[in-house]
N, C-alpha and C. Protein backbone atom coordinates (compact mmCIF):
# COMPACT_ATOMS: atom_id res chain seq x y z
N UNK A 1 22.12 -25.04 33.75
CA UNK A 1 22.10 -23.46 33.58
C UNK A 1 23.17 -22.57 33.87
N UNK A 2 23.29 -21.44 33.22
CA UNK A 2 24.39 -20.27 33.82
C UNK A 2 23.52 -19.23 34.34
N UNK A 3 22.84 -19.64 35.28
CA UNK A 3 21.71 -18.90 35.77
C UNK A 3 22.25 -17.24 36.56
N UNK A 4 23.24 -17.26 37.18
CA UNK A 4 23.55 -16.04 37.23
C UNK A 4 23.90 -14.95 35.77
N UNK A 5 24.25 -15.99 35.34
CA UNK A 5 24.65 -15.02 33.83
C UNK A 5 23.76 -14.35 32.94
N UNK A 6 22.42 -15.52 32.67
CA UNK A 6 21.24 -15.31 31.87
C UNK A 6 20.46 -14.22 32.88
N UNK A 7 20.67 -14.23 34.66
CA UNK A 7 19.77 -13.16 34.95
C UNK A 7 20.59 -11.58 34.40
N UNK A 8 21.82 -11.74 34.82
CA UNK A 8 22.83 -10.37 34.20
C UNK A 8 22.11 -9.84 33.14
N UNK A 9 22.58 -10.73 32.23
CA UNK A 9 21.68 -10.53 30.65
C UNK A 9 20.42 -10.00 30.67
N UNK A 10 19.51 -10.48 31.08
CA UNK A 10 18.02 -10.20 31.26
C UNK A 10 17.73 -8.48 31.91
N UNK A 11 18.50 -8.51 33.21
CA UNK A 11 18.69 -7.32 33.55
C UNK A 11 19.01 -6.08 32.33
N UNK A 12 19.91 -6.40 32.22
CA UNK A 12 20.77 -5.53 31.21
C UNK A 12 20.09 -5.38 29.79
N UNK A 13 20.01 -6.48 28.93
CA UNK A 13 19.51 -6.50 28.09
C UNK A 13 18.19 -7.38 27.54
N UNK A 14 17.20 -7.45 28.51
CA UNK A 14 15.87 -7.87 28.36
C UNK A 14 14.54 -7.28 28.64
N UNK A 15 13.80 -8.35 28.67
CA UNK A 15 12.57 -7.75 28.74
C UNK A 15 11.38 -8.60 29.47
N UNK A 16 10.32 -8.33 30.67
CA UNK A 16 9.55 -9.27 31.08
C UNK A 16 8.33 -8.37 31.09
N UNK A 17 7.26 -8.94 30.21
CA UNK A 17 6.17 -8.15 30.24
C UNK A 17 5.16 -9.20 29.66
N UNK A 18 3.54 -8.68 30.18
CA UNK A 18 2.59 -9.55 29.41
C UNK A 18 1.61 -8.45 29.05
N UNK A 19 1.27 -8.48 27.77
CA UNK A 19 0.51 -7.91 27.00
C UNK A 19 -1.21 -8.40 26.65
N UNK A 20 -2.19 -7.68 27.05
CA UNK A 20 -3.39 -7.91 26.79
C UNK A 20 -3.93 -7.75 25.09
N UNK A 21 -4.27 -8.80 24.10
CA UNK A 21 -4.42 -8.13 22.81
C UNK A 21 -5.90 -8.63 22.61
N UNK A 22 -6.29 -8.08 22.03
CA UNK A 22 -8.04 -8.41 21.46
C UNK A 22 -8.19 -9.62 20.77
N UNK A 23 -8.71 -10.62 21.04
CA UNK A 23 -9.00 -11.91 20.27
C UNK A 23 -10.09 -12.11 20.63
N UNK A 24 -11.11 -12.46 19.54
CA UNK A 24 -12.32 -13.12 19.73
C UNK A 24 -12.49 -14.43 20.01
N UNK A 25 -11.23 -14.86 19.75
CA UNK A 25 -11.31 -16.54 19.87
C UNK A 25 -11.29 -16.84 21.68
N UNK A 26 -11.00 -15.80 22.45
CA UNK A 26 -10.51 -16.60 23.52
C UNK A 26 -12.03 -15.70 24.69
N UNK A 27 -12.22 -16.69 25.44
CA UNK A 27 -13.32 -16.53 26.19
C UNK A 27 -13.93 -15.21 26.90
N UNK A 28 -12.98 -14.44 26.95
CA UNK A 28 -13.26 -13.17 27.57
C UNK A 28 -12.87 -11.88 26.18
N UNK A 29 -12.11 -12.47 25.19
CA UNK A 29 -12.40 -11.44 24.13
C UNK A 29 -10.54 -10.83 23.97
N UNK A 30 -9.80 -11.56 24.97
CA UNK A 30 -8.83 -10.96 25.06
C UNK A 30 -7.76 -12.13 25.11
N UNK A 31 -6.49 -12.04 24.60
CA UNK A 31 -5.23 -12.94 24.82
C UNK A 31 -4.01 -12.54 25.66
N UNK A 32 -3.64 -13.59 26.84
CA UNK A 32 -2.86 -13.04 27.33
C UNK A 32 -1.79 -13.08 26.87
N UNK A 33 -0.93 -12.26 26.59
CA UNK A 33 0.75 -13.13 25.68
C UNK A 33 2.01 -12.44 26.72
N UNK A 34 2.35 -13.56 27.98
CA UNK A 34 3.41 -12.81 28.54
C UNK A 34 4.52 -13.71 27.65
N UNK A 35 5.47 -12.54 27.73
CA UNK A 35 6.83 -12.92 27.06
C UNK A 35 8.32 -12.48 28.19
N UNK A 36 9.71 -12.97 27.79
CA UNK A 36 10.92 -12.96 28.49
C UNK A 36 11.59 -12.71 27.17
N UNK A 37 11.99 -11.77 26.83
CA UNK A 37 12.70 -10.96 25.59
C UNK A 37 14.32 -10.88 25.84
N UNK A 38 15.64 -11.23 25.24
CA UNK A 38 16.55 -10.92 25.33
C UNK A 38 16.81 -10.28 23.92
N UNK A 39 17.70 -8.87 24.02
CA UNK A 39 17.69 -8.26 22.61
C UNK A 39 19.85 -8.17 22.84
N UNK A 40 19.81 -8.27 21.89
CA UNK A 40 21.14 -8.06 21.63
C UNK A 40 21.53 -7.49 20.18
N UNK A 41 22.65 -6.70 19.39
CA UNK A 41 23.00 -6.41 18.26
C UNK A 41 23.13 -8.35 17.80
N UNK A 42 22.56 -7.99 15.76
CA UNK A 42 22.57 -8.77 15.16
C UNK A 42 24.02 -9.64 15.17
N UNK A 43 25.17 -8.35 15.46
CA UNK A 43 26.18 -8.88 15.16
C UNK A 43 26.94 -9.89 16.17
N UNK A 44 26.18 -9.95 17.18
CA UNK A 44 26.55 -10.35 18.68
C UNK A 44 25.50 -11.84 18.61
N UNK A 45 24.97 -11.95 17.59
CA UNK A 45 23.85 -12.83 17.95
C UNK A 45 24.55 -14.32 18.74
N UNK A 46 25.15 -14.46 18.79
CA UNK A 46 25.83 -16.20 19.25
C UNK A 46 25.47 -15.85 20.49
N UNK A 47 25.31 -15.06 21.47
CA UNK A 47 25.37 -15.05 22.89
C UNK A 47 23.31 -15.03 23.31
N UNK A 48 22.92 -14.85 21.92
CA UNK A 48 21.19 -15.23 22.05
C UNK A 48 21.29 -16.91 22.08
N UNK A 49 22.06 -16.98 20.66
CA UNK A 49 21.89 -18.21 20.53
C UNK A 49 22.51 -19.52 21.47
N UNK A 50 23.35 -19.11 21.94
CA UNK A 50 23.87 -19.61 23.59
C UNK A 50 22.94 -20.02 24.71
N UNK A 51 22.05 -18.56 24.55
CA UNK A 51 21.05 -18.96 25.76
C UNK A 51 20.12 -19.65 25.51
N UNK A 52 19.61 -20.05 24.14
CA UNK A 52 18.74 -20.39 23.59
C UNK A 52 19.16 -21.68 23.67
N UNK A 53 20.31 -21.64 23.37
CA UNK A 53 20.12 -23.52 23.55
C UNK A 53 20.51 -24.07 24.82
N UNK A 54 21.06 -23.43 26.12
CA UNK A 54 20.68 -23.75 27.22
C UNK A 54 19.50 -23.71 28.06
N UNK A 55 18.59 -22.51 27.48
CA UNK A 55 17.27 -23.08 27.69
C UNK A 55 15.98 -23.83 26.71
N UNK A 56 16.84 -24.19 25.90
CA UNK A 56 16.07 -25.27 25.15
C UNK A 56 14.30 -24.94 24.44
N UNK A 57 14.13 -23.78 24.51
CA UNK A 57 12.97 -23.38 23.63
C UNK A 57 13.10 -21.60 23.45
N UNK A 58 12.06 -21.64 22.80
CA UNK A 58 11.76 -19.75 22.25
C UNK A 58 12.41 -20.01 20.95
N UNK A 59 12.40 -18.71 20.54
CA UNK A 59 12.91 -18.35 19.22
C UNK A 59 13.56 -17.05 18.87
N UNK A 60 14.86 -17.25 17.89
CA UNK A 60 15.29 -15.64 17.66
C UNK A 60 14.92 -15.21 16.28
N UNK A 61 14.77 -14.04 16.16
CA UNK A 61 14.41 -13.06 14.86
C UNK A 61 15.64 -11.69 15.07
N UNK A 62 15.55 -11.39 13.92
CA UNK A 62 16.34 -10.75 13.36
C UNK A 62 15.61 -9.44 12.91
N UNK A 63 15.51 -8.22 13.64
CA UNK A 63 14.78 -7.01 13.54
C UNK A 63 15.47 -6.51 12.24
N UNK A 64 14.65 -5.27 11.49
CA UNK A 64 15.26 -4.29 10.31
C UNK A 64 16.27 -3.41 11.24
N UNK A 65 16.08 -3.12 12.32
CA UNK A 65 17.03 -2.08 12.66
C UNK A 65 18.37 -2.61 13.19
N UNK A 66 19.03 -3.93 12.93
CA UNK A 66 20.20 -4.90 13.44
C UNK A 66 19.97 -4.95 14.96
N UNK A 67 18.67 -5.24 15.50
CA UNK A 67 18.75 -6.03 16.50
C UNK A 67 17.90 -7.17 16.73
N UNK A 68 18.55 -8.19 17.33
CA UNK A 68 18.10 -9.84 17.24
C UNK A 68 17.11 -9.75 18.45
N UNK A 69 16.34 -10.38 18.70
CA UNK A 69 15.44 -10.94 19.64
C UNK A 69 15.09 -12.35 19.81
N UNK A 70 15.56 -12.58 21.27
CA UNK A 70 15.54 -14.32 21.34
C UNK A 70 14.09 -13.91 22.60
N UNK A 71 12.84 -14.57 22.15
CA UNK A 71 11.67 -14.56 23.00
C UNK A 71 11.52 -15.54 23.68
N UNK A 72 10.82 -15.86 24.71
CA UNK A 72 10.45 -17.23 24.89
C UNK A 72 8.78 -16.94 25.29
N UNK A 73 7.86 -17.22 25.15
CA UNK A 73 6.52 -17.35 25.28
C UNK A 73 5.99 -18.58 26.15
N UNK A 74 6.45 -19.76 26.05
CA UNK A 74 5.81 -20.61 26.70
C UNK A 74 5.77 -20.54 28.36
N UNK A 75 4.93 -20.56 28.58
CA UNK A 75 4.14 -20.74 30.20
C UNK A 75 5.21 -21.24 30.95
N UNK A 76 5.57 -22.92 30.92
CA UNK A 76 6.61 -23.70 31.73
C UNK A 76 7.77 -23.26 31.34
N UNK A 77 8.19 -22.77 30.20
CA UNK A 77 9.75 -22.83 30.37
C UNK A 77 9.68 -21.18 31.07
N UNK A 78 8.85 -20.54 30.84
CA UNK A 78 8.86 -18.93 31.66
C UNK A 78 9.24 -19.29 33.17
N UNK A 79 7.96 -20.24 33.67
CA UNK A 79 8.37 -20.72 35.09
C UNK A 79 9.41 -21.39 35.69
N UNK A 80 10.35 -22.00 34.67
CA UNK A 80 10.97 -22.76 34.92
C UNK A 80 12.36 -21.31 34.99
N UNK A 81 12.75 -20.75 33.61
CA UNK A 81 14.00 -19.80 33.67
C UNK A 81 13.37 -18.87 34.97
N UNK A 82 12.32 -18.41 35.50
CA UNK A 82 12.33 -17.74 36.61
C UNK A 82 12.41 -18.32 37.88
N UNK A 83 12.59 -19.36 37.84
CA UNK A 83 12.70 -20.09 39.09
C UNK A 83 14.12 -20.33 39.23
N UNK A 84 14.54 -20.15 37.87
CA UNK A 84 16.26 -20.68 38.04
C UNK A 84 17.21 -19.29 38.76
N UNK A 85 16.29 -18.35 37.73
CA UNK A 85 17.40 -16.72 38.02
C UNK A 85 16.80 -16.11 38.92
N UNK A 86 15.66 -16.12 39.67
CA UNK A 86 15.34 -14.87 40.22
C UNK A 86 16.00 -14.66 41.81
N UNK A 87 16.82 -15.63 42.05
CA UNK A 87 17.75 -15.05 43.12
C UNK A 87 19.23 -13.79 42.55
N UNK A 88 19.27 -14.32 41.23
CA UNK A 88 20.29 -13.34 40.73
C UNK A 88 19.37 -12.22 39.99
N UNK A 89 18.37 -11.90 39.97
CA UNK A 89 17.88 -10.55 39.42
C UNK A 89 18.02 -9.24 40.15
N UNK A 90 18.32 -8.02 39.48
CA UNK A 90 18.42 -7.45 40.67
C UNK A 90 17.27 -6.26 40.11
N UNK A 91 17.69 -5.75 38.03
CA UNK A 91 16.56 -4.69 37.87
C UNK A 91 15.15 -5.36 37.67
N UNK A 92 14.80 -7.03 37.00
CA UNK A 92 13.82 -7.28 36.89
C UNK A 92 13.18 -8.11 37.72
N UNK A 93 13.58 -8.19 39.28
CA UNK A 93 13.16 -8.89 40.00
C UNK A 93 11.64 -8.90 40.15
N UNK A 94 11.14 -7.54 40.23
CA UNK A 94 9.59 -7.32 40.65
C UNK A 94 8.83 -7.58 39.28
N UNK A 95 9.52 -7.77 38.26
CA UNK A 95 8.68 -7.77 36.88
C UNK A 95 8.63 -9.47 37.00
N UNK A 96 9.81 -10.10 37.14
CA UNK A 96 9.69 -11.75 37.17
C UNK A 96 9.01 -12.28 38.25
N UNK A 97 8.94 -11.35 39.53
CA UNK A 97 7.42 -12.18 40.72
C UNK A 97 6.43 -11.74 40.31
N UNK A 98 6.02 -10.58 39.55
CA UNK A 98 4.66 -10.29 38.59
C UNK A 98 4.13 -11.24 37.48
N UNK A 99 5.04 -11.58 36.99
CA UNK A 99 4.85 -12.57 35.87
C UNK A 99 4.48 -13.87 36.66
N UNK A 100 5.34 -14.27 37.33
CA UNK A 100 4.89 -15.90 38.18
C UNK A 100 3.20 -15.41 39.02
N UNK A 101 2.81 -13.96 39.26
CA UNK A 101 1.73 -14.11 40.27
C UNK A 101 0.85 -13.92 38.83
N UNK A 102 1.21 -13.39 37.70
CA UNK A 102 0.12 -13.24 36.57
C UNK A 102 -0.62 -14.86 36.17
N UNK A 103 0.64 -15.48 36.11
CA UNK A 103 0.38 -17.03 35.40
C UNK A 103 -0.48 -17.98 36.58
N UNK A 104 -0.10 -17.60 37.39
CA UNK A 104 -0.90 -18.18 38.59
C UNK A 104 -2.47 -18.16 38.38
N UNK A 105 -2.50 -16.63 38.59
CA UNK A 105 -3.76 -16.00 38.45
C UNK A 105 -4.75 -16.59 37.40
N UNK A 106 -3.99 -16.43 35.94
CA UNK A 106 -4.35 -16.69 34.88
C UNK A 106 -5.23 -18.48 34.89
N UNK A 107 -4.33 -19.07 35.27
CA UNK A 107 -4.81 -20.46 35.48
C UNK A 107 -6.39 -20.71 36.43
N UNK A 108 -6.62 -19.67 37.26
CA UNK A 108 -8.07 -19.71 38.03
C UNK A 108 -9.01 -18.57 37.93
N UNK A 109 -8.60 -18.04 36.78
CA UNK A 109 -9.87 -17.22 36.23
C UNK A 109 -10.99 -17.73 35.79
N UNK A 110 -12.35 -17.70 36.39
CA UNK A 110 -13.32 -18.45 35.84
C UNK A 110 -14.43 -17.07 35.78
N UNK A 111 -14.23 -15.99 35.57
CA UNK A 111 -15.33 -15.00 35.45
C UNK A 111 -14.66 -13.47 34.92
N UNK A 112 -15.55 -12.77 34.49
CA UNK A 112 -15.43 -11.44 33.90
C UNK A 112 -14.67 -10.67 34.80
N UNK A 113 -15.43 -10.90 36.48
CA UNK A 113 -14.59 -10.23 37.16
C UNK A 113 -13.00 -10.75 37.35
N UNK A 114 -12.71 -11.54 37.43
CA UNK A 114 -12.02 -12.60 38.10
C UNK A 114 -10.48 -12.42 36.60
N UNK A 115 -11.27 -11.87 35.38
CA UNK A 115 -10.50 -11.66 34.10
C UNK A 115 -9.99 -10.34 34.27
N UNK A 116 -11.33 -9.18 34.90
CA UNK A 116 -10.80 -8.01 35.11
C UNK A 116 -9.86 -7.76 36.12
N UNK A 117 -9.68 -8.20 37.28
CA UNK A 117 -8.80 -7.86 38.21
C UNK A 117 -7.28 -8.34 37.70
N UNK A 118 -7.37 -9.63 36.83
CA UNK A 118 -5.81 -10.29 36.02
C UNK A 118 -5.50 -9.24 35.20
N UNK A 119 -6.28 -8.34 34.33
CA UNK A 119 -6.20 -7.00 33.62
C UNK A 119 -5.11 -6.12 34.13
N UNK A 120 -6.19 -5.80 35.67
CA UNK A 120 -5.20 -4.92 36.67
C UNK A 120 -4.13 -5.17 37.06
N UNK A 121 -3.69 -6.24 36.96
CA UNK A 121 -2.45 -7.07 37.44
C UNK A 121 -1.59 -6.64 36.35
N UNK A 122 -1.92 -6.74 35.07
CA UNK A 122 -1.11 -6.84 34.01
C UNK A 122 -0.79 -5.48 33.75
N UNK A 123 -1.65 -4.42 34.36
CA UNK A 123 -1.43 -3.38 33.71
C UNK A 123 -0.58 -2.39 34.79
N UNK A 124 -0.05 -3.37 35.59
CA UNK A 124 1.25 -2.75 36.29
C UNK A 124 2.56 -2.62 35.77
N UNK A 125 2.21 -3.44 34.99
CA UNK A 125 3.98 -3.76 33.94
C UNK A 125 4.21 -2.15 33.44
N UNK A 126 3.31 -1.11 33.30
CA UNK A 126 3.02 0.25 32.89
C UNK A 126 3.94 0.94 34.03
N UNK A 127 3.94 0.43 35.12
CA UNK A 127 4.70 1.15 36.27
C UNK A 127 6.39 0.86 36.21
N UNK A 128 6.05 -0.70 35.73
CA UNK A 128 7.83 -1.40 36.02
C UNK A 128 8.44 -1.28 34.91
N UNK A 129 8.16 -1.18 33.42
CA UNK A 129 8.69 -1.25 32.45
C UNK A 129 8.59 0.37 31.34
N UNK A 130 9.57 0.46 30.53
CA UNK A 130 9.40 1.66 29.90
C UNK A 130 7.75 1.31 28.86
N UNK A 131 6.84 1.33 29.11
CA UNK A 131 5.94 1.13 28.22
C UNK A 131 4.96 2.07 27.75
N UNK A 132 5.62 2.77 26.64
CA UNK A 132 5.01 3.75 26.05
C UNK A 132 3.89 3.81 25.31
N UNK A 133 3.55 2.37 24.64
CA UNK A 133 2.81 1.47 23.51
C UNK A 133 1.41 1.20 23.91
N UNK A 134 1.56 0.55 24.95
CA UNK A 134 0.40 -0.03 25.93
C UNK A 134 -1.04 0.55 26.01
N UNK A 135 -1.82 0.14 24.69
CA UNK A 135 -2.90 0.60 24.66
C UNK A 135 -4.52 -0.04 25.21
N UNK A 136 -3.85 -1.49 25.16
CA UNK A 136 -5.40 -1.82 25.92
C UNK A 136 -4.61 -2.48 27.54
N UNK A 137 -5.80 -2.04 28.30
CA UNK A 137 -5.62 -1.96 29.99
C UNK A 137 -6.78 -2.60 30.10
N UNK A 138 -6.92 -2.21 31.58
CA UNK A 138 -8.26 -2.99 32.45
C UNK A 138 -9.36 -2.12 31.72
N UNK A 139 -8.81 -0.82 32.01
CA UNK A 139 -10.15 -0.05 31.46
C UNK A 139 -10.80 -0.50 30.09
N UNK A 140 -10.21 -1.17 28.98
CA UNK A 140 -10.20 -1.32 28.30
C UNK A 140 -10.93 -2.83 27.72
N UNK A 141 -10.90 -3.02 28.90
CA UNK A 141 -11.48 -4.99 29.25
C UNK A 141 -12.73 -4.15 29.55
N UNK A 142 -13.09 -3.58 30.49
CA UNK A 142 -14.16 -3.13 31.24
C UNK A 142 -14.89 -2.04 29.99
N UNK A 143 -14.71 -1.70 29.31
CA UNK A 143 -15.43 -0.91 28.05
C UNK A 143 -15.75 -2.07 27.36
N UNK A 144 -14.90 -3.14 26.73
CA UNK A 144 -15.42 -4.20 25.64
C UNK A 144 -16.59 -5.01 26.72
N UNK A 145 -16.38 -5.35 27.95
CA UNK A 145 -17.53 -6.37 28.62
C UNK A 145 -18.72 -4.92 28.55
N UNK A 146 -18.89 -3.92 29.17
CA UNK A 146 -19.93 -3.12 29.06
C UNK A 146 -20.38 -2.91 27.72
N UNK A 147 -19.76 -2.74 26.72
CA UNK A 147 -20.38 -2.56 25.32
C UNK A 147 -21.13 -4.11 24.85
N UNK A 148 -20.39 -5.27 25.16
CA UNK A 148 -20.78 -6.67 25.20
C UNK A 148 -22.58 -6.94 25.63
N UNK A 149 -22.27 -6.00 26.84
CA UNK A 149 -23.53 -6.19 27.33
C UNK A 149 -24.73 -5.49 26.98
N UNK A 150 -24.21 -4.09 26.40
CA UNK A 150 -25.23 -3.49 25.75
C UNK A 150 -25.73 -4.17 24.57
N UNK A 151 -24.98 -4.91 23.79
CA UNK A 151 -25.10 -5.69 22.98
C UNK A 151 -26.09 -6.88 22.78
N UNK A 152 -26.12 -7.51 24.13
CA UNK A 152 -27.27 -8.55 24.24
C UNK A 152 -28.71 -8.23 24.52
N UNK A 153 -29.40 -9.05 23.81
CA UNK A 153 -30.50 -8.49 23.64
C UNK A 153 -31.27 -9.26 25.12
């Protein structure tokens, strides 16, 4: 893989983030959704297609605003990619390290308290990214847990 090139592309036209999404199908009522996303004008979509081909996973979608996104959400693929490009990252190095830390901790969660700590770790992306829309936070998770306790007979 062209690790230095992909790292530079991600640093300039990419994003690494983890979101909490309400989902009652999950044990603690929230889904943890990590993503690595590359952005490019649809006119230059071939660059995203080349990176997708190199990585061998993910999907490309065309947005209505003329931007194309290449998204990777598979845990193992994200781990492999970060391990290859981490030495070359400059601007997204902290986000990449935080992603690996979250993925590691996610595998070990076995209680609401540990899930709440994981949610607080996910909140750190607000400091690292331009995250204006983040609505679900560790406080939301705590409120949900407290609400569930009150509803239990």
